[in-house]
Amino acid sequence: MDIECDPVYAKVDELLEILTKSKSLHILLILHEASGPLSFTKLKSSVDSSGTTVSRRLNELEEYGLVKRKVSESRSITYKLTEKSESLAPIIQSMYDWCQN
């Protein structure tokens, strides 16, 4: 008997692979709690991690469509959540809340 796997499982696996990398969830939570876009420096200090790790995570999260990078005319770079990740934010927050209790 062949059992066909639901393709949604592959998407969930892919999402979990990204979210379980060091600092990914933390970056998303910080961006969710922010009142607006944040600079790289602010994100780096908020997640207390190396610049290399934060840079890699931001690139991966941007590639996956969870973070948007914006370069202003003055060449400053900021990051914010995409609409896609805004809908994911309450789920991430509930995981943090669950772990606190």
Protein backbone atom coordinates (compact mmCIF):
# COMPACT_ATOMS: atom_id res chain seq x y z
CA MET A 1 0.00 0.00 0.00
CA ASP A 2 1.48 3.31 -1.11
CA ILE A 3 0.86 6.26 1.17
CA GLU A 4 1.17 9.64 -0.46
CA CYS A 5 2.77 12.34 1.67
CA ASP A 6 0.98 15.67 1.85
CA PRO A 7 3.24 18.31 0.19
CA VAL A 8 2.45 20.71 3.03
CA TYR A 9 4.68 18.57 5.30
CA ALA A 10 7.67 19.45 3.12
CA LYS A 11 6.87 23.15 3.47
CA VAL A 12 6.60 22.80 7.25
CA ASP A 13 9.92 20.95 7.34
CA GLU A 14 11.54 23.72 5.29
CA LEU A 15 10.14 26.43 7.57
CA LEU A 16 11.27 24.60 10.70
CA GLU A 17 14.75 24.15 9.25
CA ILE A 18 15.04 27.93 8.89
CA LEU A 19 13.41 28.81 12.21
CA THR A 20 15.51 26.40 14.25
CA LYS A 21 18.81 27.93 13.17
CA SER A 22 20.57 29.93 15.86
CA LYS A 23 18.95 33.34 16.47
CA SER A 24 16.28 33.07 13.72
CA LEU A 25 13.33 33.02 16.10
CA HIS A 26 14.90 35.68 18.27
CA ILE A 27 15.38 38.01 15.29
CA LEU A 28 11.77 37.50 14.21
CA LEU A 29 10.48 38.16 17.71
CA ILE A 30 12.57 41.35 18.09
CA LEU A 31 11.31 42.63 14.73
CA HIS A 32 7.74 41.79 15.70
CA GLU A 33 8.02 43.70 18.97
CA ALA A 34 9.68 46.72 17.31
CA SER A 35 7.63 49.80 16.57
CA GLY A 36 9.23 50.06 13.13
CA PRO A 37 12.14 48.84 11.02
CA LEU A 38 15.42 48.17 12.85
CA SER A 39 19.02 48.66 11.82
CA PHE A 40 21.48 45.80 11.71
CA THR A 41 23.32 47.24 14.72
CA LYS A 42 20.14 47.38 16.80
CA LEU A 43 19.20 43.81 15.83
CA LYS A 44 22.70 42.55 16.59
CA SER A 45 22.71 44.08 20.07
CA SER A 46 19.14 42.93 20.76
CA VAL A 47 19.87 39.28 20.02
CA ASP A 48 23.34 39.41 21.60
CA SER A 49 25.11 37.51 18.86
CA SER A 50 28.01 37.89 16.47
CA GLY A 51 27.61 40.04 13.38
CA THR A 52 28.30 37.02 11.18
CA THR A 53 25.47 34.98 12.70
CA VAL A 54 22.96 37.84 12.55
CA SER A 55 23.96 38.65 8.97
CA ARG A 56 23.55 35.02 7.87
CA ARG A 57 20.18 34.67 9.59
CA LEU A 58 18.87 37.93 8.11
CA ASN A 59 19.94 36.82 4.62
CA GLU A 60 18.24 33.43 5.07
CA LEU A 61 15.09 34.97 6.51
CA GLU A 62 15.01 37.48 3.65
CA GLU A 63 15.51 34.71 1.09
CA TYR A 64 12.59 32.80 2.58
CA GLY A 65 10.39 35.91 2.48
CA LEU A 66 10.12 36.48 6.23
CA VAL A 67 12.23 39.64 6.49
CA LYS A 68 12.40 42.65 4.20
CA ARG A 69 15.64 44.59 3.82
CA LYS A 70 15.42 48.26 2.84
CA VAL A 71 18.25 50.53 1.76
CA SER A 72 17.40 54.22 2.12
CA GLU A 73 18.72 57.07 -0.01
CA SER A 74 21.27 57.80 2.73
CA ARG A 75 22.47 54.19 2.30
CA SER A 76 21.29 53.11 5.75
CA ILE A 77 19.87 49.59 5.89
CA THR A 78 16.89 48.54 7.96
CA TYR A 79 14.96 45.32 8.41
CA LYS A 80 11.32 44.61 9.09
CA LEU A 81 8.92 41.69 8.97
CA THR A 82 7.03 40.91 5.79
CA GLU A 83 3.29 40.36 5.77
CA LYS A 84 4.02 36.64 5.52
CA SER A 85 6.00 36.66 8.76
CA GLU A 86 3.56 38.97 10.55
CA SER A 87 1.03 36.14 10.35
CA LEU A 88 3.64 33.79 11.83
CA ALA A 89 4.55 36.14 14.71
CA PRO A 90 1.68 35.12 17.06
CA ILE A 91 2.73 31.47 16.72
CA ILE A 92 6.33 32.34 17.61
CA GLN A 93 5.15 34.47 20.52
CA SER A 94 3.01 31.60 21.82
CA MET A 95 6.06 29.32 21.80
CA TYR A 96 7.99 31.84 23.89
CA ASP A 97 5.00 32.23 26.22
CA TRP A 98 4.66 28.45 26.54
CA CYS A 99 8.34 28.09 27.47
CA GLN A 100 8.06 30.80 30.12
CA ASN A 101 5.23 28.97 31.90
